[in-house]
C-alpha atoms as a PDB file:
ATOM      1  CA  MET A   1      28.208  27.302 -58.539  1.00  0.00           C
ATOM      2  CA  SER A   2      29.713  24.075 -59.969  1.00  0.00           C
ATOM      3  CA  ALA A   3      30.515  21.142 -57.837  1.00  0.00           C
ATOM      4  CA  ASP A   4      34.213  21.499 -58.366  1.00  0.00           C
ATOM      5  CA  ALA A   5      34.055  25.285 -57.378  1.00  0.00           C
ATOM      6  CA  LEU A   6      32.154  24.415 -54.253  1.00  0.00           C
ATOM      7  CA  ALA A   7      34.702  21.655 -53.302  1.00  0.00           C
ATOM      8  CA  GLN A   8      37.471  24.341 -53.933  1.00  0.00           C
ATOM      9  CA  ARG A   9      35.709  27.005 -51.707  1.00  0.00           C
ATOM     10  CA  LEU A  10      35.162  24.467 -48.947  1.00  0.00           C
ATOM     11  CA  ALA A  11      38.885  23.588 -49.164  1.00  0.00           C
ATOM     12  CA  GLU A  12      39.737  27.298 -48.776  1.00  0.00           C
ATOM     13  CA  ARG A  13      37.269  27.677 -45.779  1.00  0.00           C
ATOM     14  CA  LEU A  14      38.620  24.649 -44.083  1.00  0.00           C
ATOM     15  CA  GLY A  15      42.384  25.182 -44.984  1.00  0.00           C
ATOM     16  CA  GLY A  16      42.616  21.517 -46.164  1.00  0.00           C
ATOM     17  CA  ARG A  17      41.424  18.806 -48.519  1.00  0.00           C
ATOM     18  CA  THR A  18      41.223  15.566 -46.551  1.00  0.00           C
ATOM     19  CA  ALA A  19      37.811  14.071 -46.252  1.00  0.00           C
ATOM     20  CA  LEU A  20      36.378  10.835 -44.667  1.00  0.00           C
ATOM     21  CA  VAL A  21      33.187   9.499 -46.313  1.00  0.00           C
ATOM     22  CA  THR A  22      31.209   6.675 -44.850  1.00  0.00           C
ATOM     23  CA  GLY A  23      29.055   4.763 -47.206  1.00  0.00           C
ATOM     24  CA  GLY A  24      31.390   6.146 -49.835  1.00  0.00           C
ATOM     25  CA  ALA A  25      31.278   3.158 -52.184  1.00  0.00           C
ATOM     26  CA  SER A  26      27.667   3.877 -53.506  1.00  0.00           C
ATOM     27  CA  GLY A  27      24.655   6.108 -53.595  1.00  0.00           C
ATOM     28  CA  LEU A  28      25.044   9.693 -51.967  1.00  0.00           C
ATOM     29  CA  GLY A  29      28.191   8.980 -50.096  1.00  0.00           C
ATOM     30  CA  ARG A  30      29.908   7.739 -53.510  1.00  0.00           C
ATOM     31  CA  ALA A  31      28.653  11.009 -55.375  1.00  0.00           C
ATOM     32  CA  ILE A  32      29.992  13.222 -52.622  1.00  0.00           C
ATOM     33  CA  ALA A  33      33.413  11.385 -52.692  1.00  0.00           C
ATOM     34  CA  GLU A  34      33.595  11.706 -56.525  1.00  0.00           C
ATOM     35  CA  GLN A  35      32.922  15.429 -56.295  1.00  0.00           C
ATOM     36  CA  LEU A  36      35.567  15.888 -53.632  1.00  0.00           C
ATOM     37  CA  ALA A  37      38.135  13.758 -55.426  1.00  0.00           C
ATOM     38  CA  ALA A  38      37.608  15.561 -58.764  1.00  0.00           C
ATOM     39  CA  ALA A  39      38.681  18.847 -56.980  1.00  0.00           C
ATOM     40  CA  GLY A  40      41.799  17.368 -55.643  1.00  0.00           C
ATOM     41  CA  TRP A  41      40.764  16.175 -52.177  1.00  0.00           C
ATOM     42  CA  ILE A  42      42.228  13.085 -50.454  1.00  0.00           C
ATOM     43  CA  VAL A  43      39.226  10.927 -49.760  1.00  0.00           C
ATOM     44  CA  GLY A  44      38.996   8.005 -47.351  1.00  0.00           C
ATOM     45  CA  VAL A  45      36.146   5.738 -48.422  1.00  0.00           C
ATOM     46  CA  LEU A  46      34.679   3.678 -45.433  1.00  0.00           C
ATOM     47  CA  ASP A  47      32.452   0.781 -46.310  1.00  0.00           C
ATOM     48  CA  ARG A  48      31.744  -2.584 -44.604  1.00  0.00           C
ATOM     49  CA  SER A  49      32.453  -4.409 -47.884  1.00  0.00           C
ATOM     50  CA  GLU A  50      36.177  -4.561 -48.489  1.00  0.00           C
ATOM     51  CA  ALA A  51      35.636  -5.184 -52.268  1.00  0.00           C
ATOM     52  CA  ALA A  52      33.334  -2.063 -52.529  1.00  0.00           C
ATOM     53  CA  ALA A  53      35.692   0.111 -50.632  1.00  0.00           C
ATOM     54  CA  GLN A  54      38.702  -1.055 -52.549  1.00  0.00           C
ATOM     55  CA  ALA A  55      36.886  -0.414 -55.867  1.00  0.00           C
ATOM     56  CA  ALA A  56      35.763   3.025 -55.006  1.00  0.00           C
ATOM     57  CA  ALA A  57      39.118   4.131 -53.505  1.00  0.00           C
ATOM     58  CA  LYS A  58      40.922   2.883 -56.710  1.00  0.00           C
ATOM     59  CA  ALA A  59      38.493   4.926 -58.886  1.00  0.00           C
ATOM     60  CA  LEU A  60      38.977   7.891 -56.791  1.00  0.00           C
ATOM     61  CA  ALA A  61      42.655   7.562 -56.154  1.00  0.00           C
ATOM     62  CA  GLY A  62      41.692   7.493 -52.402  1.00  0.00           C
ATOM     63  CA  HIS A  63      42.082   5.446 -49.364  1.00  0.00           C
ATOM     64  CA  ALA A  64      39.846   2.290 -48.654  1.00  0.00           C
ATOM     65  CA  LEU A  65      38.641   1.880 -45.108  1.00  0.00           C
ATOM     66  CA  VAL A  66      36.996  -1.419 -44.172  1.00  0.00           C
ATOM     67  CA  ALA A  67      34.610  -1.449 -41.146  1.00  0.00           C
ATOM     68  CA  ASP A  68      31.006  -1.925 -40.194  1.00  0.00           C
ATOM     69  CA  VAL A  69      29.969   1.354 -38.714  1.00  0.00           C
ATOM     70  CA  SER A  70      28.036  -0.443 -35.995  1.00  0.00           C
ATOM     71  CA  ASP A  71      31.252  -1.854 -34.565  1.00  0.00           C
ATOM     72  CA  ALA A  72      32.818   0.983 -32.605  1.00  0.00           C
ATOM     73  CA  ASP A  73      36.367  -0.798 -32.180  1.00  0.00           C
ATOM     74  CA  ALA A  74      36.611  -1.548 -36.009  1.00  0.00           C
ATOM     75  CA  VAL A  75      35.494   1.945 -36.804  1.00  0.00           C
ATOM     76  CA  ARG A  76      38.043   3.613 -34.448  1.00  0.00           C
ATOM     77  CA  MET A  77      40.929   1.328 -35.838  1.00  0.00           C
ATOM     78  CA  ALA A  78      39.936   2.206 -39.435  1.00  0.00           C
ATOM     79  CA  VAL A  79      39.841   6.079 -38.816  1.00  0.00           C
ATOM     80  CA  ASP A  80      43.047   5.956 -36.812  1.00  0.00           C
ATOM     81  CA  ASP A  81      44.870   4.342 -39.579  1.00  0.00           C
ATOM     82  CA  PHE A  82      43.498   6.657 -42.210  1.00  0.00           C
ATOM     83  CA  ALA A  83      44.462   9.749 -40.272  1.00  0.00           C
ATOM     84  CA  GLY A  84      47.855   8.233 -39.516  1.00  0.00           C
ATOM     85  CA  ALA A  85      48.455   7.778 -43.289  1.00  0.00           C
ATOM     86  CA  VAL A  86      47.180  11.265 -44.278  1.00  0.00           C
ATOM     87  CA  GLY A  87      47.183  13.544 -41.225  1.00  0.00           C
ATOM     88  CA  PRO A  88      44.314  15.615 -39.759  1.00  0.00           C
ATOM     89  CA  ILE A  89      40.863  15.244 -41.144  1.00  0.00           C
ATOM     90  CA  ASN A  90      39.122  18.450 -42.493  1.00  0.00           C
ATOM     91  CA  LEU A  91      35.744  16.975 -43.620  1.00  0.00           C
ATOM     92  CA  LEU A  92      33.651  14.019 -42.255  1.00  0.00           C
ATOM     93  CA  ILE A  93      30.667  12.885 -44.149  1.00  0.00           C
ATOM     94  CA  ASN A  94      28.534  10.345 -42.192  1.00  0.00           C
ATOM     95  CA  SER A  95      26.419   8.856 -45.076  1.00  0.00           C
ATOM     96  CA  ALA A  96      26.291   5.021 -44.283  1.00  0.00           C
ATOM     97  CA  GLY A  97      22.897   3.837 -43.761  1.00  0.00           C
ATOM     98  CA  ILE A  98      20.199   1.119 -44.338  1.00  0.00           C
ATOM     99  CA  ALA A  99      16.518   1.412 -44.973  1.00  0.00           C
ATOM    100  CA  VAL A 100      13.764  -0.316 -42.706  1.00  0.00           C
ATOM    101  CA  ALA A 101      10.107  -0.080 -43.161  1.00  0.00           C
ATOM    102  CA  GLY A 102       6.921  -1.700 -41.682  1.00  0.00           C
ATOM    103  CA  GLY A 103       4.164  -0.814 -39.237  1.00  0.00           C
ATOM    104  CA  VAL A 104       5.160  -0.500 -35.683  1.00  0.00           C
ATOM    105  CA  ALA A 105       2.859  -3.349 -34.662  1.00  0.00           C
ATOM    106  CA  GLU A 106       4.535  -5.857 -36.921  1.00  0.00           C
ATOM    107  CA  CYS A 107       8.067  -4.601 -37.811  1.00  0.00           C
ATOM    108  CA  PRO A 108      10.535  -7.001 -35.987  1.00  0.00           C
ATOM    109  CA  ALA A 109      12.453  -5.733 -32.946  1.00  0.00           C
ATOM    110  CA  ALA A 110      15.682  -6.662 -34.645  1.00  0.00           C
ATOM    111  CA  ASP A 111      14.874  -4.309 -37.458  1.00  0.00           C
ATOM    112  CA  PHE A 112      14.247  -1.487 -35.040  1.00  0.00           C
ATOM    113  CA  ALA A 113      17.691  -2.445 -33.302  1.00  0.00           C
ATOM    114  CA  LEU A 114      19.629  -2.711 -36.708  1.00  0.00           C
ATOM    115  CA  ALA A 115      18.279   0.753 -37.818  1.00  0.00           C
ATOM    116  CA  MET A 116      19.540   2.283 -34.580  1.00  0.00           C
ATOM    117  CA  GLN A 117      22.818   0.408 -34.743  1.00  0.00           C
ATOM    118  CA  VAL A 118      23.707   1.409 -38.375  1.00  0.00           C
ATOM    119  CA  ASN A 119      21.863   4.812 -38.950  1.00  0.00           C
ATOM    120  CA  TYR A 120      22.380   6.235 -35.493  1.00  0.00           C
ATOM    121  CA  LEU A 121      25.134   4.515 -33.536  1.00  0.00           C
ATOM    122  CA  GLY A 122      27.052   4.191 -36.774  1.00  0.00           C
ATOM    123  CA  THR A 123      27.069   8.013 -36.968  1.00  0.00           C
ATOM    124  CA  VAL A 124      28.031   8.221 -33.225  1.00  0.00           C
ATOM    125  CA  HIS A 125      30.938   5.714 -33.581  1.00  0.00           C
ATOM    126  CA  VAL A 126      32.630   7.517 -36.690  1.00  0.00           C
ATOM    127  CA  THR A 127      32.059  10.804 -35.058  1.00  0.00           C
ATOM    128  CA  GLN A 128      33.685   9.810 -31.974  1.00  0.00           C
ATOM    129  CA  ALA A 129      36.531   8.067 -33.808  1.00  0.00           C
ATOM    130  CA  ALA A 130      37.010  11.069 -36.021  1.00  0.00           C
ATOM    131  CA  LEU A 131      36.740  14.076 -33.406  1.00  0.00           C
ATOM    132  CA  PRO A 132      40.418  13.913 -32.360  1.00  0.00           C
ATOM    133  CA  HIS A 133      41.565  13.971 -36.016  1.00  0.00           C
ATOM    134  CA  LEU A 134      39.143  16.784 -36.977  1.00  0.00           C
ATOM    135  CA  HIS A 135      40.349  19.032 -34.007  1.00  0.00           C
ATOM    136  CA  ALA A 136      43.943  18.554 -35.264  1.00  0.00           C
ATOM    137  CA  ALA A 137      43.105  20.263 -38.607  1.00  0.00           C
ATOM    138  CA  ASN A 138      45.234  23.124 -39.124  1.00  0.00           C
ATOM    139  CA  ALA A 139      42.397  25.858 -39.680  1.00  0.00           C
ATOM    140  CA  ALA A 140      39.004  24.314 -39.453  1.00  0.00           C
ATOM    141  CA  ALA A 141      36.924  21.126 -39.874  1.00  0.00           C
ATOM    142  CA  HIS A 142      33.272  20.253 -40.724  1.00  0.00           C
ATOM    143  CA  ILE A 143      30.909  17.374 -40.118  1.00  0.00           C
ATOM    144  CA  CYS A 144      28.101  16.576 -42.440  1.00  0.00           C
ATOM    145  CA  ASN A 145      25.613  14.068 -40.814  1.00  0.00           C
ATOM    146  CA  ILE A 146      23.196  12.763 -43.431  1.00  0.00           C
ATOM    147  CA  ALA A 147      19.972  12.143 -41.624  1.00  0.00           C
ATOM    148  CA  SER A 148      16.895  12.240 -43.667  1.00  0.00           C
ATOM    149  CA  GLY A 149      13.741  14.150 -44.329  1.00  0.00           C
ATOM    150  CA  ALA A 150      12.267  11.142 -42.336  1.00  0.00           C
ATOM    151  CA  ALA A 151      13.796  12.698 -39.291  1.00  0.00           C
ATOM    152  CA  PHE A 152      10.977  15.212 -39.141  1.00  0.00           C
ATOM    153  CA  LEU A 153       8.437  14.022 -41.538  1.00  0.00           C
ATOM    154  CA  ALA A 154       7.694  10.681 -39.539  1.00  0.00           C
ATOM    155  CA  SER A 155       5.661   9.109 -42.119  1.00  0.00           C
ATOM    156  CA  PRO A 156       3.523   6.006 -41.195  1.00  0.00           C
ATOM    157  CA  ARG A 157       5.097   2.610 -41.624  1.00  0.00           C
ATOM    158  CA  MET A 158       8.552   3.816 -41.247  1.00  0.00           C
ATOM    159  CA  GLY A 159       8.894   3.912 -37.472  1.00  0.00           C
ATOM    160  CA  ALA A 160      12.334   2.052 -37.198  1.00  0.00           C
ATOM    161  CA  TYR A 161      13.898   4.367 -39.940  1.00  0.00           C
ATOM    162  CA  ASN A 162      12.254   7.584 -38.876  1.00  0.00           C
ATOM    163  CA  ALA A 163      13.437   7.032 -35.218  1.00  0.00           C
ATOM    164  CA  SER A 164      16.944   6.303 -36.164  1.00  0.00           C
ATOM    165  CA  LYS A 165      17.216   9.332 -38.367  1.00  0.00           C
ATOM    166  CA  ALA A 166      15.571  11.609 -35.707  1.00  0.00           C
ATOM    167  CA  ALA A 167      18.218  10.355 -33.431  1.00  0.00           C
ATOM    168  CA  VAL A 168      20.934  11.535 -35.920  1.00  0.00           C
ATOM    169  CA  LEU A 169      19.158  15.049 -36.032  1.00  0.00           C
ATOM    170  CA  SER A 170      19.051  15.321 -32.176  1.00  0.00           C
ATOM    171  CA  PHE A 171      22.641  14.005 -31.962  1.00  0.00           C
ATOM    172  CA  SER A 172      23.760  16.713 -34.370  1.00  0.00           C
ATOM    173  CA  GLU A 173      22.051  19.427 -32.479  1.00  0.00           C
ATOM    174  CA  THR A 174      23.644  18.304 -29.204  1.00  0.00           C
ATOM    175  CA  LEU A 175      27.087  18.081 -30.884  1.00  0.00           C
ATOM    176  CA  SER A 176      26.653  21.511 -32.351  1.00  0.00           C
ATOM    177  CA  GLY A 177      26.307  22.960 -28.793  1.00  0.00           C
ATOM    178  CA  GLU A 178      29.326  20.954 -27.585  1.00  0.00           C
ATOM    179  CA  LEU A 179      31.357  22.209 -30.515  1.00  0.00           C
ATOM    180  CA  GLN A 180      30.672  25.833 -30.239  1.00  0.00           C
ATOM    181  CA  GLY A 181      33.919  27.801 -29.965  1.00  0.00           C
ATOM    182  CA  SER A 182      35.913  24.938 -31.376  1.00  0.00           C
ATOM    183  CA  ASN A 183      37.377  24.661 -34.901  1.00  0.00           C
ATOM    184  CA  ILE A 184      34.653  22.213 -36.085  1.00  0.00           C
ATOM    185  CA  GLY A 185      31.481  23.171 -37.669  1.00  0.00           C
ATOM    186  CA  ILE A 186      28.446  20.838 -38.303  1.00  0.00           C
ATOM    187  CA  SER A 187      25.489  20.401 -40.756  1.00  0.00           C
ATOM    188  CA  VAL A 188      22.677  17.903 -40.393  1.00  0.00           C
ATOM    189  CA  VAL A 189      21.459  17.060 -43.852  1.00  0.00           C
ATOM    190  CA  MET A 190      17.897  15.971 -44.267  1.00  0.00           C
ATOM    191  CA  PRO A 191      17.215  14.725 -47.915  1.00  0.00           C
ATOM    192  CA  SER A 192      13.941  13.568 -49.407  1.00  0.00           C
ATOM    193  CA  PHE A 193      13.858  10.631 -51.831  1.00  0.00           C
ATOM    194  CA  ILE A 194      17.081  10.232 -53.939  1.00  0.00           C
ATOM    195  CA  ARG A 195      17.607   7.638 -56.452  1.00  0.00           C
ATOM    196  CA  THR A 196      20.203   5.646 -54.854  1.00  0.00           C
ATOM    197  CA  PRO A 197      20.576   1.757 -54.272  1.00  0.00           C
ATOM    198  CA  LEU A 198      19.259   2.231 -50.625  1.00  0.00           C
ATOM    199  CA  LEU A 199      16.242   0.077 -51.385  1.00  0.00           C
ATOM    200  CA  GLY A 200      18.534  -2.858 -52.528  1.00  0.00           C
ATOM    201  CA  ASN A 201      19.053  -3.878 -48.881  1.00  0.00           C
ATOM    202  CA  MET A 202      15.795  -2.557 -47.467  1.00  0.00           C
ATOM    203  CA  ARG A 203      14.190  -4.601 -44.713  1.00  0.00           C
ATOM    204  CA  ALA A 204      10.344  -4.286 -45.256  1.00  0.00           C
ATOM    205  CA  PRO A 205       7.225  -6.207 -46.205  1.00  0.00           C
ATOM    206  CA  GLU A 206       6.649  -6.243 -49.960  1.00  0.00           C
ATOM    207  CA  ALA A 207       3.968  -3.641 -49.857  1.00  0.00           C
ATOM    208  CA  ASP A 208       6.142  -1.115 -48.128  1.00  0.00           C
ATOM    209  CA  ARG A 209       9.106  -1.887 -50.299  1.00  0.00           C
ATOM    210  CA  GLU A 210       6.770  -1.200 -53.336  1.00  0.00           C
ATOM    211  CA  ALA A 211       5.579   2.145 -51.819  1.00  0.00           C
ATOM    212  CA  ALA A 212       9.205   3.129 -51.316  1.00  0.00           C
ATOM    213  CA  ARG A 213       9.991   2.218 -54.889  1.00  0.00           C
ATOM    214  CA  LEU A 214       7.154   4.287 -56.226  1.00  0.00           C
ATOM    215  CA  LEU A 215       8.219   7.343 -54.221  1.00  0.00           C
ATOM    216  CA  MET A 216      11.792   6.991 -55.175  1.00  0.00           C
ATOM    217  CA  ALA A 217      11.114   6.361 -58.879  1.00  0.00           C
ATOM    218  CA  ALA A 218       8.982   9.523 -58.807  1.00  0.00           C
ATOM    219  CA  SER A 219      11.892  11.499 -57.486  1.00  0.00           C
ATOM    220  CA  ASP A 220      13.889  13.603 -59.935  1.00  0.00           C
ATOM    221  CA  TYR A 221      16.632  14.339 -57.347  1.00  0.00           C
ATOM    222  CA  THR A 222      19.868  12.624 -58.271  1.00  0.00           C
ATOM    223  CA  PRO A 223      22.721  11.748 -55.890  1.00  0.00           C
ATOM    224  CA  ASP A 224      24.973  14.236 -57.947  1.00  0.00           C
ATOM    225  CA  ALA A 225      22.623  16.981 -57.453  1.00  0.00           C
ATOM    226  CA  CYS A 226      22.234  16.211 -53.790  1.00  0.00           C
ATOM    227  CA  ALA A 227      25.913  15.846 -53.295  1.00  0.00           C
ATOM    228  CA  THR A 228      26.446  19.348 -54.771  1.00  0.00           C
ATOM    229  CA  ASP A 229      23.836  20.752 -52.374  1.00  0.00           C
ATOM    230  CA  VAL A 230      25.710  18.990 -49.459  1.00  0.00           C
ATOM    231  CA  LEU A 231      28.909  20.647 -50.329  1.00  0.00           C
ATOM    232  CA  GLN A 232      27.092  23.975 -50.689  1.00  0.00           C
ATOM    233  CA  ALA A 233      25.728  23.544 -47.256  1.00  0.00           C
ATOM    234  CA  ALA A 234      29.140  22.800 -45.761  1.00  0.00           C
ATOM    235  CA  ALA A 235      30.912  25.542 -47.496  1.00  0.00           C
ATOM    236  CA  ASP A 236      28.360  28.019 -46.300  1.00  0.00           C
ATOM    237  CA  GLY A 237      28.428  26.418 -42.712  1.00  0.00           C
ATOM    238  CA  ARG A 238      24.538  25.839 -42.647  1.00  0.00           C
ATOM    239  CA  PHE A 239      23.417  23.768 -39.942  1.00  0.00           C
ATOM    240  CA  TYR A 240      19.791  22.736 -40.711  1.00  0.00           C
ATOM    241  CA  VAL A 241      19.895  21.500 -44.352  1.00  0.00           C
ATOM    242  CA  PRO A 242      16.571  20.020 -45.692  1.00  0.00           C
ATOM    243  CA  LEU A 243      16.998  18.821 -49.375  1.00  0.00           C
ATOM    244  CA  PRO A 244      16.032  19.667 -52.018  1.00  0.00           C
ATOM    245  CA  ARG A 245      15.331  23.259 -51.010  1.00  0.00           C
ATOM    246  CA  LYS A 246      11.610  22.723 -51.664  1.00  0.00           C
ATOM    247  CA  LEU A 247      11.554  20.536 -48.636  1.00  0.00           C
ATOM    248  CA  ASN A 248      12.063  23.675 -46.440  1.00  0.00           C
ATOM    249  CA  THR A 249       8.329  24.060 -46.594  1.00  0.00           C
ATOM    250  CA  ALA A 250       7.605  20.865 -44.901  1.00  0.00           C
ATOM    251  CA  TRP A 251      10.467  21.666 -42.421  1.00  0.00           C
ATOM    252  CA  ARG A 252       8.901  25.060 -41.489  1.00  0.00           C
ATOM    253  CA  LEU A 253       5.380  23.663 -41.370  1.00  0.00           C
ATOM    254  CA  LYS A 254       6.463  20.786 -38.971  1.00  0.00           C
ATOM    255  CA  ARG A 255       8.141  23.380 -36.616  1.00  0.00           C
ATOM    256  CA  TRP A 256       5.358  25.995 -36.842  1.00  0.00           C
ATOM    257  CA  ALA A 257       2.162  23.939 -36.956  1.00  0.00           C
ATOM    258  CA  PRO A 258       3.396  20.513 -35.637  1.00  0.00           C
ATOM    259  CA  ASN A 259      -0.087  19.216 -34.734  1.00  0.00           C
ATOM    260  CA  TRP A 260      -1.580  20.284 -37.989  1.00  0.00           C
ATOM    261  CA  PHE A 261       1.339  18.619 -39.830  1.00  0.00           C
ATOM    262  CA  ARG A 262       1.105  15.385 -37.816  1.00  0.00           C
ATOM    263  CA  LYS A 263      -2.472  14.947 -38.545  1.00  0.00           C
ATOM    264  CA  ARG A 264      -2.288  15.694 -42.229  1.00  0.00           C
ATOM    265  CA  LEU A 265       0.790  13.738 -43.103  1.00  0.00           C
ATOM    266  CA  PRO A 266      -0.757  10.281 -43.324  1.00  0.00           C
ATOM    267  CA  ALA A 267      -3.528  11.442 -45.739  1.00  0.00           C
ATOM    268  CA  LEU A 268      -1.003  13.231 -47.949  1.00  0.00           C
ATOM    269  CA  ARG A 269       1.217  10.213 -48.021  1.00  0.00           C
ATOM    270  CA  GLU A 270      -1.619   8.019 -49.193  1.00  0.00           C
ATOM    271  CA  ASN A 271      -2.850  10.504 -51.753  1.00  0.00           C
ATOM    272  CA  LYS A 272       0.611  10.820 -53.214  1.00  0.00           C
ATOM    273  CA  LEU A 273       0.927   6.910 -53.456  1.00  0.00           C
ATOM    274  CA  ALA A 274      -2.497   6.535 -55.022  1.00  0.00           C
ATOM    275  CA  ALA A 275      -1.622   9.109 -57.543  1.00  0.00           C
ATOM    276  CA  LEU A 276       1.728   7.354 -58.309  1.00  0.00           C
ATOM    277  CA  ARG A 277      -0.052   3.979 -58.537  1.00  0.00           C
ATOM    278  CA  ALA A 278      -2.702   5.282 -60.915  1.00  0.00           C
ATOM    279  CA  ALA A 279      -0.029   6.831 -63.144  1.00  0.00           C
ATOM    280  CA  GLU A 280       1.697   3.511 -63.209  1.00  0.00           C
ATOM    281  CA  ASP A 281      -1.300   1.658 -64.112  1.00  0.00           C
ATOM    282  CA  ARG A 282      -2.033   4.045 -66.997  1.00  0.00           C
ATOM    283  CA  LYS A 283       1.472   3.235 -68.372  1.00  0.00           C
ATOM    284  CA  HIS A 284       0.482  -0.358 -68.593  1.00  0.00           C
ATOM    285  CA  ASP A 285      -2.928   0.012 -70.080  1.00  0.00           C
END
């Protein structure tokens, strides 16, 4: 089904077309916002950069919301202003995030804190601010929390990022239980590497930055493809959403054979990186 048809079906299921997208000025958030706007949705783009939020909102004929998701008061003010202008919110996409890498022994405590403040607490702050406006939706509402495959893969040298995304997963599971019987559904989306600008502000030693670059460059999963998959999951009301679908194999292995998976993952990661480095070296020969 096309992105436009999915956005239309989601609007029919929810009974409205108002969406709030954090991190909506770039990357996956921007791709989701674009697909929704193309289908006639009213889209609020929340970004910490006023210039980026304004530019995206202008391109999408939407609304610019300026706030750092780690600032609960600023987030609440921005979300309340948006709802005051457009009414109840039907769809919340929590997509804002940053990348942090480095071994546990040397990764600065400040980087661990920043990953939690943006990736986890940012999701909490926006969700708390949006919940009253989601409950006010006429028919139904839906939350998509963009976690990451890192939430369950837990690759070495990604401790700060892994933990922040695992927190988003656990938070989403908790919230799902609390929202049972309400008008609000929820999905927790766990994508693998997508070709986005995420590495542009990555905090990491150069070797870890290079490893992330190789893995991202090897991915053929685009933001547009992932955005369509996110809309499909929301339209279907799916809760656990590993993406792309082939990541379901790793998700099942982690759940069914956790110790085997935990012991095998470091070697699998190193083998993958070695193959990518060798392939890149051949290109330069």
